Amino acid sequence: MFGLADATVATIVAVLVTASFPCFLYGAWIMIDTEKVTWGVLTYHLKFIVTGLALTTIPLLVWMLPRLFQQLGGASALHAILGLQAYAMLAFGFTGIVRIFRAKREHNLYHDYNEDVLLDEIGSDRMDHWRSRLRIGVFGYVIFWLLAYIVGMARYALRYLF
């Protein structure tokens, strides 16, 4: 790839994917630590989450996916399945994010934050359902991302370090 040795590209990919995790953690911390989620807080949070996703997804699409079928088997297959499951959980959570975002946007809660308006009371009678989907999707993504990361780093270590 780009005239670089396989081990060099693998190292760059490992560094990029590793760098995504602090972005995810800090992005999560922003939302956990904030009582009033305003538009500014949301966009600040999303800067870190989108950066983390880019650091993971770009190497996946450019380097990992094209090589998948050449080495599919054993740990490689496990790594691919765990990674695919992580993205499936992200998609599942995204269905909740969209509904919550739309409801808060319709009630102008990102700009005119009103502590008296509960998130459960706006949008639809299923807001608890959408919030649960978001939580399940986010936690599922993190769990499967971590599992895929561990398998991927073990594969990297066995192939390029030992």
Protein backbone atom coordinates (compact mmCIF):
# COMPACT_ATOMS: atom_id res chain seq x y z
CA MET A 1 0.00 0.00 0.00
CA PHE A 2 1.45 3.33 -1.12
CA GLY A 3 4.84 1.61 -1.47
CA LEU A 4 5.17 1.07 2.28
CA ALA A 5 6.11 -2.23 3.86
CA ASP A 6 3.25 -4.26 5.32
CA ALA A 7 4.64 -3.94 8.86
CA THR A 8 4.88 -0.15 8.51
CA VAL A 9 1.27 0.18 7.38
CA ALA A 10 0.14 -2.21 10.13
CA THR A 11 1.95 -0.07 12.71
CA ILE A 12 0.36 3.13 11.39
CA VAL A 13 -3.07 1.48 11.48
CA ALA A 14 -2.48 0.22 15.03
CA VAL A 15 -1.48 3.71 16.17
CA LEU A 16 -4.50 5.34 14.50
CA VAL A 17 -6.98 2.85 15.93
CA THR A 18 -5.36 3.11 19.36
CA ALA A 19 -5.62 6.92 19.18
CA SER A 20 -9.37 6.65 18.59
CA PHE A 21 -10.10 5.23 22.04
CA PRO A 22 -9.18 8.38 24.02
CA CYS A 23 -11.43 10.32 21.64
CA PHE A 24 -14.33 7.99 22.45
CA LEU A 25 -13.65 8.21 26.19
CA TYR A 26 -13.42 11.99 26.25
CA GLY A 27 -16.49 12.33 24.04
CA ALA A 28 -18.43 10.12 26.44
CA TRP A 29 -17.10 12.01 29.45
CA ILE A 30 -18.37 15.30 27.99
CA MET A 31 -21.92 13.94 27.91
CA ILE A 32 -21.70 12.22 31.30
CA ASP A 33 -20.26 15.29 33.01
CA THR A 34 -22.71 17.81 31.53
CA GLU A 35 -26.09 18.49 33.09
CA LYS A 36 -27.37 20.82 30.38
CA VAL A 37 -26.77 19.39 26.92
CA THR A 38 -26.85 22.47 24.73
CA TRP A 39 -26.04 22.69 21.03
CA GLY A 40 -22.49 23.78 21.89
CA VAL A 41 -21.98 20.80 24.20
CA LEU A 42 -23.41 18.43 21.59
CA THR A 43 -21.17 19.71 18.78
CA TYR A 44 -18.13 19.68 21.07
CA HIS A 45 -18.93 16.07 22.01
CA LEU A 46 -19.44 15.10 18.37
CA LYS A 47 -16.03 16.51 17.36
CA PHE A 48 -14.36 13.87 19.50
CA ILE A 49 -16.72 11.05 18.59
CA VAL A 50 -16.45 11.74 14.84
CA THR A 51 -12.66 11.97 15.14
CA GLY A 52 -12.59 8.61 16.94
CA LEU A 53 -14.84 7.04 14.33
CA ALA A 54 -12.67 8.43 11.52
CA LEU A 55 -9.50 7.09 13.17
CA THR A 56 -11.09 3.66 13.27
CA THR A 57 -13.16 3.61 10.08
CA ILE A 58 -10.66 5.04 7.59
CA PRO A 59 -8.00 2.37 8.32
CA LEU A 60 -10.77 -0.23 8.21
CA LEU A 61 -11.92 0.83 4.74
CA VAL A 62 -8.50 1.59 3.26
CA TRP A 63 -6.33 -1.19 4.66
CA MET A 64 -8.19 -3.87 6.62
CA LEU A 65 -11.21 -4.52 4.40
CA PRO A 66 -9.30 -4.92 1.11
CA ARG A 67 -7.03 -7.53 2.75
CA LEU A 68 -9.79 -9.41 4.58
CA PHE A 69 -10.43 -12.23 2.14
CA GLN A 70 -6.71 -12.91 1.62
CA GLN A 71 -6.30 -13.80 5.27
CA LEU A 72 -9.76 -14.76 6.44
CA GLY A 73 -9.59 -17.49 9.04
CA GLY A 74 -9.03 -17.97 12.74
CA ALA A 75 -8.19 -14.76 14.58
CA SER A 76 -8.71 -12.70 11.43
CA ALA A 77 -12.29 -13.93 11.12
CA LEU A 78 -12.91 -13.31 14.82
CA HIS A 79 -11.48 -9.80 14.50
CA ALA A 80 -13.73 -9.11 11.49
CA ILE A 81 -16.85 -10.49 13.19
CA LEU A 82 -16.26 -8.46 16.37
CA GLY A 83 -15.60 -5.31 14.35
CA LEU A 84 -18.69 -5.85 12.25
CA GLN A 85 -20.75 -6.37 15.38
CA ALA A 86 -19.37 -3.11 16.82
CA TYR A 87 -20.57 -1.20 13.76
CA ALA A 88 -23.93 -3.00 13.90
CA MET A 89 -24.35 -1.84 17.49
CA LEU A 90 -23.42 1.69 16.44
CA ALA A 91 -26.11 1.58 13.75
CA PHE A 92 -28.60 0.29 16.33
CA GLY A 93 -27.74 3.17 18.66
CA PHE A 94 -27.95 5.62 15.78
CA THR A 95 -31.66 4.84 15.40
CA GLY A 96 -32.15 6.21 18.92
CA ILE A 97 -29.86 9.19 18.40
CA VAL A 98 -31.86 10.34 15.40
CA ARG A 99 -35.18 10.29 17.30
CA ILE A 100 -33.73 12.03 20.37
CA PHE A 101 -31.99 14.67 18.25
CA ARG A 102 -35.17 15.35 16.29
CA ALA A 103 -37.29 15.69 19.43
CA LYS A 104 -34.84 18.04 21.14
CA ARG A 105 -34.48 20.07 17.95
CA GLU A 106 -38.27 20.39 17.52
CA HIS A 107 -38.57 21.66 21.10
CA ASN A 108 -35.54 23.97 20.68
CA LEU A 109 -33.84 22.38 23.70
CA TYR A 110 -30.36 22.74 22.25
CA HIS A 111 -30.56 26.55 22.23
CA ASP A 112 -33.16 27.38 24.88
CA TYR A 113 -32.41 24.76 27.48
CA ASN A 114 -35.32 24.34 29.89
CA GLU A 115 -34.66 22.26 32.99
CA ASP A 116 -38.39 21.76 33.52
CA VAL A 117 -38.82 19.89 30.24
CA LEU A 118 -37.90 16.24 30.68
CA LEU A 119 -36.52 14.37 27.73
CA ASP A 120 -38.98 11.57 28.41
CA GLU A 121 -41.89 13.97 27.92
CA ILE A 122 -40.99 15.27 24.47
CA GLY A 123 -40.97 13.75 21.04
CA SER A 124 -43.10 10.71 21.39
CA ASP A 125 -44.46 8.34 23.96
CA ARG A 126 -41.54 6.05 23.10
CA MET A 127 -38.68 8.35 24.14
CA ASP A 128 -37.58 5.86 26.84
CA HIS A 129 -37.35 3.25 24.10
CA TRP A 130 -35.14 5.47 21.91
CA ARG A 131 -32.92 6.42 24.85
CA SER A 132 -32.53 2.71 25.68
CA ARG A 133 -31.58 1.98 22.07
CA LEU A 134 -28.96 4.71 22.24
CA ARG A 135 -27.48 3.35 25.47
CA ILE A 136 -27.48 -0.25 24.24
CA GLY A 137 -25.92 0.81 20.94
CA VAL A 138 -23.19 2.90 22.55
CA PHE A 139 -22.28 0.34 25.20
CA GLY A 140 -22.46 -2.48 22.67
CA TYR A 141 -20.21 -0.57 20.28
CA VAL A 142 -17.63 0.05 23.00
CA ILE A 143 -17.65 -3.57 24.18
CA PHE A 144 -17.32 -5.04 20.69
CA TRP A 145 -14.80 -2.35 19.69
CA LEU A 146 -12.64 -3.28 22.69
CA LEU A 147 -12.89 -6.99 21.90
CA ALA A 148 -12.00 -6.38 18.23
CA TYR A 149 -9.14 -4.12 19.33
CA ILE A 150 -7.71 -6.78 21.65
CA VAL A 151 -7.89 -9.44 18.93
CA GLY A 152 -6.43 -7.03 16.37
CA MET A 153 -3.54 -6.03 18.63
CA ALA A 154 -2.84 -9.69 19.43
CA ARG A 155 -2.76 -10.43 15.69
CA TYR A 156 -0.46 -7.45 15.16
CA ALA A 157 1.89 -8.58 17.94
CA LEU A 158 2.03 -12.18 16.72
CA ARG A 159 2.58 -11.21 13.10
CA TYR A 160 4.92 -8.22 13.35
CA LEU A 161 6.58 -8.30 16.76
CA PHE A 162 7.26 -11.96 17.50
